[in-house]
Protein backbone atom coordinates (compact mmCIF):
# COMPACT_ATOMS: atom_id res chain seq x y z
CA UNK A 1 12.12 -17.77 -3.42
CA UNK A 2 12.59 -14.12 -4.40
CA UNK A 3 14.13 -12.02 -1.64
CA UNK A 4 11.85 -9.27 -0.32
CA UNK A 5 13.46 -5.97 0.66
CA UNK A 6 13.08 -4.93 4.30
CA UNK A 7 10.89 -1.94 3.47
CA UNK A 8 8.40 -4.08 1.55
CA UNK A 9 7.94 -6.61 4.36
CA UNK A 10 8.07 -4.14 7.29
CA UNK A 11 5.97 -1.30 5.88
CA UNK A 12 3.38 -3.83 4.73
CA UNK A 13 3.16 -5.34 8.20
CA UNK A 14 0.31 -4.35 10.56
CA UNK A 15 2.88 -4.13 13.35
CA UNK A 16 4.58 -1.17 11.66
CA UNK A 17 1.47 0.95 12.22
CA UNK A 18 1.22 -0.26 15.81
CA UNK A 19 4.79 0.74 16.65
CA UNK A 20 4.51 4.18 15.05
CA UNK A 21 0.94 5.00 16.04
CA UNK A 22 2.05 7.95 18.17
CA UNK A 23 3.60 10.00 15.36
CA UNK A 24 2.76 13.68 15.58
CA UNK A 25 0.06 14.40 12.97
CA UNK A 26 -0.11 18.06 13.95
CA UNK A 27 3.62 18.44 13.32
CA UNK A 28 3.19 16.87 9.89
CA UNK A 29 0.34 19.23 9.04
CA UNK A 30 2.33 22.27 10.18
CA UNK A 31 5.28 21.16 8.06
CA UNK A 32 3.13 21.04 4.92
CA UNK A 33 1.68 24.47 5.70
CA UNK A 34 5.17 25.90 6.13
CA UNK A 35 6.33 24.40 2.83
CA UNK A 36 3.30 25.77 0.97
CA UNK A 37 3.96 29.24 2.40
CA UNK A 38 7.58 29.03 1.30
CA UNK A 39 7.07 27.55 -2.17
CA UNK A 40 3.89 29.43 -3.11
CA UNK A 41 2.69 26.90 -5.71
CA UNK A 42 0.17 28.07 -8.28
CA UNK A 43 -3.34 26.60 -7.96
CA UNK A 44 -3.64 23.51 -10.12
CA UNK A 45 0.08 22.71 -9.97
CA UNK A 46 0.86 19.05 -10.59
CA UNK A 47 2.40 17.39 -7.55
CA UNK A 48 3.75 13.93 -6.75
CA UNK A 49 4.24 12.61 -3.22
CA UNK A 50 6.94 9.93 -3.56
CA UNK A 51 6.71 7.09 -1.01
CA UNK A 52 3.40 8.47 0.22
CA UNK A 53 2.43 5.60 2.52
CA UNK A 54 -1.25 5.87 3.35
CA UNK A 55 -1.32 9.42 2.00
CA UNK A 56 -1.33 11.73 5.02
CA UNK A 57 0.94 14.30 3.36
CA UNK A 58 -0.68 13.89 -0.07
CA UNK A 59 -4.11 14.62 1.41
CA UNK A 60 -2.81 17.81 3.01
CA UNK A 61 -1.18 18.93 -0.23
CA UNK A 62 -4.42 18.37 -2.14
CA UNK A 63 -6.22 20.74 0.24
CA UNK A 64 -4.19 23.60 -1.28
CA UNK A 65 -5.80 23.44 -4.75
CA UNK A 66 -3.07 21.19 -6.10
CA UNK A 67 -3.46 18.12 -8.33
CA UNK A 68 -1.70 15.42 -6.34
CA UNK A 69 -0.61 11.87 -7.14
CA UNK A 70 0.79 9.74 -4.34
CA UNK A 71 2.98 6.74 -5.18
CA UNK A 72 4.24 3.98 -2.93
CA UNK A 73 5.57 0.44 -3.24
CA UNK A 74 3.17 -0.90 -0.60
CA UNK A 75 -0.08 -2.33 -1.94
CA UNK A 76 -1.78 -2.28 1.49
CA UNK A 77 -0.82 1.38 2.03
CA UNK A 78 -2.08 2.45 -1.40
CA UNK A 79 -5.29 0.46 -0.96
CA UNK A 80 -5.92 2.40 2.26
CA UNK A 81 -4.96 5.74 0.68
CA UNK A 82 -7.34 5.18 -2.24
CA UNK A 83 -10.28 5.55 0.16
CA UNK A 84 -9.68 9.32 0.01
CA UNK A 85 -9.25 9.67 -3.75
CA UNK A 86 -11.08 12.38 -5.67
CA UNK A 87 -10.58 14.27 -8.93
CA UNK A 88 -7.56 16.14 -7.49
CA UNK A 89 -6.03 13.28 -5.47
CA UNK A 90 -4.93 9.88 -6.80
CA UNK A 91 -2.78 7.05 -5.51
CA UNK A 92 -0.81 4.42 -7.38
CA UNK A 93 1.55 1.56 -6.56
CA UNK A 94 4.97 2.40 -7.98
CA UNK A 95 8.66 1.80 -7.24
CA UNK A 96 10.48 5.13 -6.84
CA UNK A 97 13.52 3.76 -8.68
CA UNK A 98 11.69 3.75 -12.00
CA UNK A 99 10.46 6.73 -14.06
CA UNK A 100 6.89 7.91 -13.56
CA UNK A 101 5.06 10.52 -15.70
CA UNK A 102 8.11 12.00 -17.49
CA UNK A 103 8.45 15.84 -17.46
CA UNK A 104 5.00 16.10 -15.90
CA UNK A 105 5.12 17.47 -12.35
CA UNK A 106 5.71 21.00 -11.10
CA UNK A 107 6.62 19.75 -7.61
CA UNK A 108 7.80 16.49 -6.09
CA UNK A 109 7.90 15.74 -2.37
CA UNK A 110 9.66 12.97 -0.49
CA UNK A 111 8.70 13.18 3.18
CA UNK A 112 9.86 11.71 6.48
CA UNK A 113 13.13 10.01 5.46
CA UNK A 114 11.55 7.98 2.67
CA UNK A 115 14.81 7.78 0.72
CA UNK A 116 18.05 5.92 1.41
CA UNK A 117 16.39 2.53 1.93
CA UNK A 118 18.47 0.58 -0.56
CA UNK A 119 21.54 -1.56 0.03
CA UNK A 120 23.37 -0.35 -3.09
CA UNK A 121 24.20 3.19 -4.21
CA UNK A 122 23.13 2.38 -7.77
CA UNK A 123 19.55 2.05 -6.54
CA UNK A 124 19.73 5.43 -4.81
CA UNK A 125 21.06 6.93 -8.04
CA UNK A 126 18.24 5.30 -10.00
CA UNK A 127 15.75 6.88 -7.61
CA UNK A 128 17.39 10.32 -7.89
CA UNK A 129 17.22 10.17 -11.68
CA UNK A 130 13.61 9.01 -11.51
CA UNK A 131 12.68 11.93 -9.23
CA UNK A 132 14.26 14.36 -11.67
CA UNK A 133 12.74 12.74 -14.75
CA UNK A 134 9.22 13.25 -13.44
CA UNK A 135 9.66 17.00 -13.03
CA UNK A 136 9.22 19.68 -15.67
CA UNK A 137 12.18 21.97 -16.37
CA UNK A 138 12.62 24.27 -13.34
CA UNK A 139 10.44 21.91 -11.34
CA UNK A 140 11.01 21.71 -7.58
CA UNK A 141 11.88 18.69 -5.44
CA UNK A 142 11.65 18.70 -1.63
CA UNK A 143 13.38 15.92 0.32
CA UNK A 144 12.86 15.64 4.07
CA UNK A 145 15.68 13.49 5.47
CA UNK A 146 17.27 12.73 8.80
CA UNK A 147 20.34 14.80 9.68
CA UNK A 148 23.09 12.20 9.94
CA UNK A 149 25.45 13.85 12.42
CA UNK A 150 22.59 14.92 14.68
CA UNK A 151 21.15 11.40 14.72
CA UNK A 152 24.46 9.61 15.26
CA UNK A 153 25.47 11.90 18.13
CA UNK A 154 22.21 11.13 19.92
CA UNK A 155 21.75 7.48 18.94
CA UNK A 156 19.99 5.46 21.65
CA UNK A 157 21.51 1.99 21.29
CA UNK A 158 18.71 0.10 23.08
CA UNK A 159 15.18 0.84 24.26
CA UNK A 160 11.82 -0.82 24.85
CA UNK A 161 8.57 0.58 23.46
CA UNK A 162 5.22 -0.55 24.89
CA UNK A 163 2.25 -0.36 22.50
CA UNK A 164 -0.85 -1.87 24.06
CA UNK A 165 -0.32 -5.65 24.23
CA UNK A 166 2.96 -5.45 22.31
CA UNK A 167 6.47 -4.92 23.61
CA UNK A 168 8.98 -3.83 20.99
CA UNK A 169 12.68 -4.26 21.73
CA UNK A 170 14.64 -1.75 19.65
CA UNK A 171 18.39 -1.69 19.00
CA UNK A 172 20.21 0.91 16.90
CA UNK A 173 23.68 1.02 15.39
CA UNK A 174 25.68 2.36 12.45
CA UNK A 175 26.99 -0.25 10.04
CA UNK A 176 28.40 0.00 6.52
CA UNK A 177 27.38 3.64 6.14
CA UNK A 178 23.79 2.83 7.11
CA UNK A 179 21.85 3.55 10.30
CA UNK A 180 20.19 0.33 11.39
CA UNK A 181 17.20 -0.07 13.68
CA UNK A 182 16.49 -3.67 14.75
CA UNK A 183 12.94 -4.21 16.01
CA UNK A 184 11.97 -7.45 17.78
CA UNK A 185 8.62 -8.46 19.31
CA UNK A 186 6.18 -11.32 19.84
CA UNK A 187 3.42 -11.36 17.23
CA UNK A 188 -0.23 -12.33 17.76
CA UNK A 189 0.65 -16.03 17.47
CA UNK A 190 3.38 -15.75 20.10
CA UNK A 191 6.20 -16.03 17.58
CA UNK A 192 9.27 -13.81 17.76
CA UNK A 193 9.56 -11.45 14.79
CA UNK A 194 12.48 -9.24 13.89
CA UNK A 195 12.63 -6.47 11.31
CA UNK A 196 15.63 -4.27 10.54
CA UNK A 197 15.14 -0.76 9.18
CA UNK A 198 18.18 0.38 7.20
CA UNK A 199 18.67 3.98 6.09
CA UNK A 200 21.75 5.29 4.31
CA UNK A 201 23.79 7.70 6.44
CA UNK A 202 23.91 10.36 3.72
CA UNK A 203 25.07 13.88 4.52
CA UNK A 204 24.26 17.05 2.58
CA UNK A 205 27.23 16.69 0.24
CA UNK A 206 26.09 13.18 -0.70
CA UNK A 207 22.70 14.51 -1.76
CA UNK A 208 24.18 17.46 -3.65
CA UNK A 209 26.47 15.16 -5.62
CA UNK A 210 23.81 12.55 -6.30
CA UNK A 211 21.16 14.96 -7.51
CA UNK A 212 23.64 17.03 -9.51
CA UNK A 213 24.26 13.88 -11.54
CA UNK A 214 20.49 13.67 -12.02
CA UNK A 215 20.38 17.23 -13.38
CA UNK A 216 19.24 19.05 -10.26
CA UNK A 217 20.80 21.80 -8.12
CA UNK A 218 20.31 22.53 -4.43
CA UNK A 219 18.60 25.88 -3.89
CA UNK A 220 17.82 25.75 -0.17
CA UNK A 221 18.27 23.73 3.02
CA UNK A 222 16.32 23.86 6.29
CA UNK A 223 16.97 22.19 9.62
CA UNK A 224 13.52 21.57 11.07
CA UNK A 225 9.81 21.45 10.25
CA UNK A 226 9.48 25.16 11.03
CA UNK A 227 11.97 25.72 8.17
CA UNK A 228 14.60 27.06 10.52
CA UNK A 229 18.25 27.48 9.52
CA UNK A 230 20.15 24.27 8.85
CA UNK A 231 23.13 23.41 11.11
CA UNK A 232 25.10 20.24 10.21
CA UNK A 233 25.43 19.06 13.82
CA UNK A 234 22.49 20.65 15.63
CA UNK A 235 19.49 20.45 13.27
CA UNK A 236 17.11 17.51 13.78
CA UNK A 237 16.19 17.36 10.08
CA UNK A 238 17.82 17.99 6.70
CA UNK A 239 15.13 19.44 4.44
CA UNK A 240 16.52 20.04 0.95
CA UNK A 241 15.01 21.92 -1.96
CA UNK A 242 16.30 21.09 -5.44
CA UNK A 243 15.54 22.67 -8.81
CA UNK A 244 15.57 20.79 -12.10
CA UNK A 245 17.86 22.42 -14.66
């Protein structure tokens, strides 16, 4: 049987949405507004939202007179996102590691730590090259990633999250240069399920090196969704803006 990567099985699970149902939608909307104010995209700019999930960020981008395509590996997520499609907003199933619409987009966005999921660096490099390939010359890429040192210094090793009838036991640790989050719970049939989220513990220099190899340069870095100054140890996020050369 073919092995399924953790992000395919977990993100496609109904329990993923149950655990993360309390995510701050207002914060996400404010983040997009702040990015639009900073980037000042021209009306009609071509935009791709990479790893778009069910399309919450893509929908917000499309409200700014942009032509947006959202891509994601999850069939259930894209099926849900397609309910909101119109002439300026489309969704497609696609693996970020492979090229998509070469030299086509003015802007590419990768929100909410939707990078660093792979076990091998070659896959991350494939994704970086794919991101760059989709952009026109001088195109802009925005990556919203966790800030490694901030996260590791505040890592909660164990906690319990109650979501209605479900109790999620969560354990976190750093292992092999990845931040792991082990999630265990009883499913609807009373069976114990366990999923492990794994995100590469990249720092800013890792991204700079990786995307330089892909033909992109870092032009700005922010530390939070208000686009405040980035501090390596104190900022909750690492929001990077790259330009294609």
